[in-house]
C-alpha cells in the first residue's frame, strides 16, 4: 500500500516548492508533478502517470484538491476509478480522506465548490471584458501590426515579395504576419 503524491502549478512563474514540502511532511512513496499546466488542460502527463502508478490499496495524495481537479465531471469520474481499484484520495489542506462515507461526501462537495469557483471566475472575466469593450478598451496584447502594415504586406505579396522578407521588414515573425493576413 503505497502513497502516490501529485503536485501541480498552472503558471510558469509559480513553483512547486510549497506543495513538495507539505507532501514530504505527509510522506509519500512516489511523487508526480505537472509544472505550468492548467488543471483543465487536456493533457497532464504527471497526473496521468500518477494515476497509472496506483495499485489497489494505495493512497493518492495532493496538497490541495484543486491541484488535481477543477471540473466536477473529471473529479467524479476519477473518484469512480479510485473506488473501482480500492484507492483512497487524500487532500492535505481540506482534510479530505475518502476511506469513509463522510470523506467521500466531502470530496464531492469540495469539487462542486471548485467548479463553482472556476465558473464564477470565467463569468467575471467575460463581464469585465464586455464592460471594457463598451468603454472602447480592448483588453489583452495590442496587435503588432496596424491596418497600414497589413495593407503594405498585401500589396507587397501581390507584387511578388516573399512573406518572410515582408515580415522581416515589418519586424515581426512570418507566422505573426500570416495570422494578421488571415492565412494570406
C-alpha atoms as a PDB file:
ATOM      1  CA  UNK A   1       0.000   0.000   0.000  1.00  0.00           C
ATOM      2  CA  UNK A   2       1.898   2.979  -1.367  1.00  0.00           C
ATOM      3  CA  UNK A   3       1.229   6.702  -1.200  1.00  0.00           C
ATOM      4  CA  UNK A   4       1.335   8.274  -4.649  1.00  0.00           C
ATOM      5  CA  UNK A   5       1.604  12.070  -4.443  1.00  0.00           C
ATOM      6  CA  UNK A   6       0.758  14.628  -7.113  1.00  0.00           C
ATOM      7  CA  UNK A   7       1.692  18.312  -7.303  1.00  0.00           C
ATOM      8  CA  UNK A   8       0.790  20.894  -9.955  1.00  0.00           C
ATOM      9  CA  UNK A   9       1.215  24.582 -10.676  1.00  0.00           C
ATOM     10  CA  UNK A  10      -0.505  26.240 -13.602  1.00  0.00           C
ATOM     11  CA  UNK A  11       1.763  29.176 -14.343  1.00  0.00           C
ATOM     12  CA  UNK A  12       5.439  29.289 -15.158  1.00  0.00           C
ATOM     13  CA  UNK A  13       6.029  31.973 -12.507  1.00  0.00           C
ATOM     14  CA  UNK A  14       4.662  29.707  -9.750  1.00  0.00           C
ATOM     15  CA  UNK A  15       6.769  26.987  -8.208  1.00  0.00           C
ATOM     16  CA  UNK A  16       6.160  23.607  -6.678  1.00  0.00           C
ATOM     17  CA  UNK A  17       8.247  24.016  -3.506  1.00  0.00           C
ATOM     18  CA  UNK A  18       5.346  24.666  -1.094  1.00  0.00           C
ATOM     19  CA  UNK A  19       3.499  21.589  -2.324  1.00  0.00           C
ATOM     20  CA  UNK A  20       6.614  19.422  -2.360  1.00  0.00           C
ATOM     21  CA  UNK A  21       7.423  20.381   1.229  1.00  0.00           C
ATOM     22  CA  UNK A  22       3.893  19.680   2.502  1.00  0.00           C
ATOM     23  CA  UNK A  23       3.748  16.372   0.645  1.00  0.00           C
ATOM     24  CA  UNK A  24       7.167  15.363   2.017  1.00  0.00           C
ATOM     25  CA  UNK A  25       5.975  16.118   5.556  1.00  0.00           C
ATOM     26  CA  UNK A  26       2.910  13.914   4.989  1.00  0.00           C
ATOM     27  CA  UNK A  27       5.053  11.157   3.478  1.00  0.00           C
ATOM     28  CA  UNK A  28       4.842   9.545   0.085  1.00  0.00           C
ATOM     29  CA  UNK A  29       6.450   6.756  -1.919  1.00  0.00           C
ATOM     30  CA  UNK A  30       6.267   8.366  -5.350  1.00  0.00           C
ATOM     31  CA  UNK A  31       5.774  11.990  -6.454  1.00  0.00           C
ATOM     32  CA  UNK A  32       4.467  13.069  -9.843  1.00  0.00           C
ATOM     33  CA  UNK A  33       4.346  16.690 -10.976  1.00  0.00           C
ATOM     34  CA  UNK A  34       2.956  18.967 -13.651  1.00  0.00           C
ATOM     35  CA  UNK A  35       4.704  22.326 -13.890  1.00  0.00           C
ATOM     36  CA  UNK A  36       2.997  25.120 -15.833  1.00  0.00           C
ATOM     37  CA  UNK A  37      -0.092  23.046 -16.636  1.00  0.00           C
ATOM     38  CA  UNK A  38      -3.696  24.081 -16.015  1.00  0.00           C
ATOM     39  CA  UNK A  39      -5.942  21.715 -14.072  1.00  0.00           C
ATOM     40  CA  UNK A  40      -8.347  21.732 -17.015  1.00  0.00           C
ATOM     41  CA  UNK A  41      -5.669  21.021 -19.628  1.00  0.00           C
ATOM     42  CA  UNK A  42      -6.477  18.033 -21.796  1.00  0.00           C
ATOM     43  CA  UNK A  43      -3.007  16.603 -21.299  1.00  0.00           C
ATOM     44  CA  UNK A  44      -1.418  16.438 -17.858  1.00  0.00           C
ATOM     45  CA  UNK A  45       1.434  13.964 -18.127  1.00  0.00           C
ATOM     46  CA  UNK A  46       2.266  13.962 -14.409  1.00  0.00           C
ATOM     47  CA  UNK A  47      -1.355  13.393 -13.422  1.00  0.00           C
ATOM     48  CA  UNK A  48      -1.731  10.555 -15.948  1.00  0.00           C
ATOM     49  CA  UNK A  49       1.493   8.946 -14.720  1.00  0.00           C
ATOM     50  CA  UNK A  50       0.347   9.215 -11.089  1.00  0.00           C
ATOM     51  CA  UNK A  51      -2.955   7.506 -11.916  1.00  0.00           C
ATOM     52  CA  UNK A  52      -1.117   4.784 -13.838  1.00  0.00           C
ATOM     53  CA  UNK A  53       1.156   4.139 -10.847  1.00  0.00           C
ATOM     54  CA  UNK A  54      -1.739   3.445  -8.470  1.00  0.00           C
ATOM     55  CA  UNK A  55      -2.341  -0.089  -7.232  1.00  0.00           C
ATOM     56  CA  UNK A  56      -5.229  -1.459  -5.132  1.00  0.00           C
ATOM     57  CA  UNK A  57      -4.969  -0.233  -1.553  1.00  0.00           C
ATOM     58  CA  UNK A  58      -2.826   2.823  -2.440  1.00  0.00           C
ATOM     59  CA  UNK A  59      -3.494   6.421  -1.446  1.00  0.00           C
ATOM     60  CA  UNK A  60      -3.493   9.297  -3.931  1.00  0.00           C
ATOM     61  CA  UNK A  61      -2.168  12.342  -2.052  1.00  0.00           C
ATOM     62  CA  UNK A  62      -2.424  16.020  -3.042  1.00  0.00           C
ATOM     63  CA  UNK A  63      -1.615  19.238  -1.210  1.00  0.00           C
ATOM     64  CA  UNK A  64      -4.959  20.773  -2.190  1.00  0.00           C
ATOM     65  CA  UNK A  65      -7.906  19.347  -4.090  1.00  0.00           C
ATOM     66  CA  UNK A  66      -7.763  21.930  -6.885  1.00  0.00           C
ATOM     67  CA  UNK A  67      -4.233  20.811  -7.735  1.00  0.00           C
ATOM     68  CA  UNK A  68      -5.858  17.693  -9.194  1.00  0.00           C
ATOM     69  CA  UNK A  69      -9.374  18.798 -10.157  1.00  0.00           C
ATOM     70  CA  UNK A  70     -11.206  21.932 -11.314  1.00  0.00           C
ATOM     71  CA  UNK A  71     -14.045  20.261 -13.157  1.00  0.00           C
ATOM     72  CA  UNK A  72     -16.664  18.278 -11.268  1.00  0.00           C
ATOM     73  CA  UNK A  73     -17.131  15.704 -14.019  1.00  0.00           C
ATOM     74  CA  UNK A  74     -13.431  14.780 -14.010  1.00  0.00           C
ATOM     75  CA  UNK A  75     -13.366  14.578 -10.209  1.00  0.00           C
ATOM     76  CA  UNK A  76     -16.412  12.287 -10.160  1.00  0.00           C
ATOM     77  CA  UNK A  77     -15.029  10.018 -12.897  1.00  0.00           C
ATOM     78  CA  UNK A  78     -11.667   9.834 -11.159  1.00  0.00           C
ATOM     79  CA  UNK A  79     -13.319   9.011  -7.826  1.00  0.00           C
ATOM     80  CA  UNK A  80     -15.287   6.230  -9.533  1.00  0.00           C
ATOM     81  CA  UNK A  81     -11.974   4.900 -10.844  1.00  0.00           C
ATOM     82  CA  UNK A  82     -10.402   5.142  -7.371  1.00  0.00           C
ATOM     83  CA  UNK A  83     -13.331   3.271  -5.834  1.00  0.00           C
ATOM     84  CA  UNK A  84     -13.124   0.564  -8.516  1.00  0.00           C
ATOM     85  CA  UNK A  85      -9.460  -0.130  -7.720  1.00  0.00           C
ATOM     86  CA  UNK A  86      -9.699   0.486  -3.953  1.00  0.00           C
ATOM     87  CA  UNK A  87      -7.635   3.723  -3.878  1.00  0.00           C
ATOM     88  CA  UNK A  88      -8.097   6.399  -1.206  1.00  0.00           C
ATOM     89  CA  UNK A  89      -7.890  10.075  -2.145  1.00  0.00           C
ATOM     90  CA  UNK A  90      -6.327  12.373   0.450  1.00  0.00           C
ATOM     91  CA  UNK A  91      -6.059  16.183   0.360  1.00  0.00           C
ATOM     92  CA  UNK A  92      -3.865  17.810   2.989  1.00  0.00           C
ATOM     93  CA  UNK A  93      -5.335  21.316   3.141  1.00  0.00           C
ATOM     94  CA  UNK A  94      -9.007  20.336   3.047  1.00  0.00           C
ATOM     95  CA  UNK A  95      -8.503  17.347   5.362  1.00  0.00           C
ATOM     96  CA  UNK A  96     -10.294  15.074   2.925  1.00  0.00           C
ATOM     97  CA  UNK A  97      -9.747  11.339   3.059  1.00  0.00           C
ATOM     98  CA  UNK A  98     -12.133   9.195   1.061  1.00  0.00           C
ATOM     99  CA  UNK A  99     -11.765   5.981   3.043  1.00  0.00           C
ATOM    100  CA  UNK A 100     -15.066   6.788   4.817  1.00  0.00           C
ATOM    101  CA  UNK A 101     -18.538   7.747   3.535  1.00  0.00           C
ATOM    102  CA  UNK A 102     -18.165  11.211   5.123  1.00  0.00           C
ATOM    103  CA  UNK A 103     -14.781  11.670   3.451  1.00  0.00           C
ATOM    104  CA  UNK A 104     -16.233  10.748   0.065  1.00  0.00           C
ATOM    105  CA  UNK A 105     -19.148  13.148   0.599  1.00  0.00           C
ATOM    106  CA  UNK A 106     -16.704  15.950   1.424  1.00  0.00           C
ATOM    107  CA  UNK A 107     -14.728  15.128  -1.721  1.00  0.00           C
ATOM    108  CA  UNK A 108     -17.815  15.654  -3.879  1.00  0.00           C
ATOM    109  CA  UNK A 109     -18.873  18.813  -2.019  1.00  0.00           C
ATOM    110  CA  UNK A 110     -15.400  20.386  -2.333  1.00  0.00           C
ATOM    111  CA  UNK A 111     -15.382  19.611  -6.059  1.00  0.00           C
ATOM    112  CA  UNK A 112     -18.802  21.181  -6.558  1.00  0.00           C
ATOM    113  CA  UNK A 113     -17.422  24.363  -4.994  1.00  0.00           C
ATOM    114  CA  UNK A 114     -14.226  24.160  -7.068  1.00  0.00           C
ATOM    115  CA  UNK A 115     -16.265  24.071 -10.266  1.00  0.00           C
ATOM    116  CA  UNK A 116     -18.474  26.897  -8.989  1.00  0.00           C
ATOM    117  CA  UNK A 117     -15.360  28.976  -8.275  1.00  0.00           C
ATOM    118  CA  UNK A 118     -13.926  28.302 -11.735  1.00  0.00           C
ATOM    119  CA  UNK A 119     -17.203  29.143 -13.492  1.00  0.00           C
ATOM    120  CA  UNK A 120     -17.593  32.310 -11.396  1.00  0.00           C
ATOM    121  CA  UNK A 121     -14.081  33.444 -12.356  1.00  0.00           C
ATOM    122  CA  UNK A 122     -14.832  32.826 -16.052  1.00  0.00           C
ATOM    123  CA  UNK A 123     -18.143  34.694 -15.741  1.00  0.00           C
ATOM    124  CA  UNK A 124     -16.484  37.694 -14.036  1.00  0.00           C
ATOM    125  CA  UNK A 125     -13.715  37.763 -16.613  1.00  0.00           C
ATOM    126  CA  UNK A 126     -16.199  37.772 -19.501  1.00  0.00           C
ATOM    127  CA  UNK A 127     -18.241  40.526 -17.828  1.00  0.00           C
ATOM    128  CA  UNK A 128     -15.083  42.601 -17.267  1.00  0.00           C
ATOM    129  CA  UNK A 129     -14.010  42.228 -20.894  1.00  0.00           C
ATOM    130  CA  UNK A 130     -17.501  43.170 -22.122  1.00  0.00           C
ATOM    131  CA  UNK A 131     -17.532  46.259 -19.868  1.00  0.00           C
ATOM    132  CA  UNK A 132     -14.084  47.301 -21.110  1.00  0.00           C
ATOM    133  CA  UNK A 133     -15.181  46.892 -24.738  1.00  0.00           C
ATOM    134  CA  UNK A 134     -18.256  49.053 -24.108  1.00  0.00           C
ATOM    135  CA  UNK A 135     -15.862  51.765 -22.905  1.00  0.00           C
ATOM    136  CA  UNK A 136     -13.779  51.376 -26.051  1.00  0.00           C
ATOM    137  CA  UNK A 137     -10.957  49.489 -24.371  1.00  0.00           C
ATOM    138  CA  UNK A 138      -9.798  46.173 -25.675  1.00  0.00           C
ATOM    139  CA  UNK A 139      -8.011  44.041 -23.077  1.00  0.00           C
ATOM    140  CA  UNK A 140      -5.038  41.943 -23.979  1.00  0.00           C
ATOM    141  CA  UNK A 141      -1.919  42.448 -26.001  1.00  0.00           C
ATOM    142  CA  UNK A 142      -2.049  45.175 -28.615  1.00  0.00           C
ATOM    143  CA  UNK A 143      -1.686  43.979 -32.203  1.00  0.00           C
ATOM    144  CA  UNK A 144       1.863  44.204 -33.523  1.00  0.00           C
ATOM    145  CA  UNK A 145       0.655  45.231 -36.955  1.00  0.00           C
ATOM    146  CA  UNK A 146      -1.506  48.224 -37.839  1.00  0.00           C
ATOM    147  CA  UNK A 147      -4.018  48.316 -40.677  1.00  0.00           C
ATOM    148  CA  UNK A 148      -1.389  50.198 -42.691  1.00  0.00           C
ATOM    149  CA  UNK A 149       1.156  47.431 -42.092  1.00  0.00           C
ATOM    150  CA  UNK A 150      -1.320  44.804 -43.246  1.00  0.00           C
ATOM    151  CA  UNK A 151      -2.199  46.823 -46.368  1.00  0.00           C
ATOM    152  CA  UNK A 152       1.529  47.188 -47.119  1.00  0.00           C
ATOM    153  CA  UNK A 153       2.019  43.457 -46.688  1.00  0.00           C
ATOM    154  CA  UNK A 154      -0.883  42.611 -49.015  1.00  0.00           C
ATOM    155  CA  UNK A 155       0.440  44.969 -51.698  1.00  0.00           C
ATOM    156  CA  UNK A 156       3.940  43.544 -51.333  1.00  0.00           C
ATOM    157  CA  UNK A 157       2.659  39.965 -51.612  1.00  0.00           C
ATOM    158  CA  UNK A 158       0.692  40.860 -54.757  1.00  0.00           C
ATOM    159  CA  UNK A 159       3.872  42.397 -56.170  1.00  0.00           C
ATOM    160  CA  UNK A 160       5.588  39.032 -55.657  1.00  0.00           C
ATOM    161  CA  UNK A 161       7.593  39.772 -52.493  1.00  0.00           C
ATOM    162  CA  UNK A 162       8.220  36.780 -50.205  1.00  0.00           C
ATOM    163  CA  UNK A 163       6.252  36.675 -46.961  1.00  0.00           C
ATOM    164  CA  UNK A 164       9.428  36.117 -44.935  1.00  0.00           C
ATOM    165  CA  UNK A 165      11.036  39.275 -46.367  1.00  0.00           C
ATOM    166  CA  UNK A 166       7.911  41.345 -45.717  1.00  0.00           C
ATOM    167  CA  UNK A 167       7.776  40.054 -42.139  1.00  0.00           C
ATOM    168  CA  UNK A 168      11.443  40.978 -41.655  1.00  0.00           C
ATOM    169  CA  UNK A 169      10.755  44.476 -42.982  1.00  0.00           C
ATOM    170  CA  UNK A 170       7.860  44.853 -40.512  1.00  0.00           C
ATOM    171  CA  UNK A 171       9.962  43.434 -37.644  1.00  0.00           C
ATOM    172  CA  UNK A 172       7.589  40.533 -36.952  1.00  0.00           C
ATOM    173  CA  UNK A 173       7.755  36.792 -37.477  1.00  0.00           C
ATOM    174  CA  UNK A 174       6.351  35.324 -40.675  1.00  0.00           C
ATOM    175  CA  UNK A 175       3.798  33.470 -38.537  1.00  0.00           C
ATOM    176  CA  UNK A 176       2.585  36.737 -36.959  1.00  0.00           C
ATOM    177  CA  UNK A 177       2.256  38.285 -40.419  1.00  0.00           C
ATOM    178  CA  UNK A 178       0.486  35.241 -41.804  1.00  0.00           C
ATOM    179  CA  UNK A 179      -2.038  35.337 -38.934  1.00  0.00           C
ATOM    180  CA  UNK A 180      -2.602  39.069 -39.436  1.00  0.00           C
ATOM    181  CA  UNK A 181      -3.281  38.429 -43.107  1.00  0.00           C
ATOM    182  CA  UNK A 182      -5.784  35.720 -42.199  1.00  0.00           C
ATOM    183  CA  UNK A 183      -3.689  32.901 -43.557  1.00  0.00           C
ATOM    184  CA  UNK A 184      -2.803  35.143 -46.548  1.00  0.00           C
END
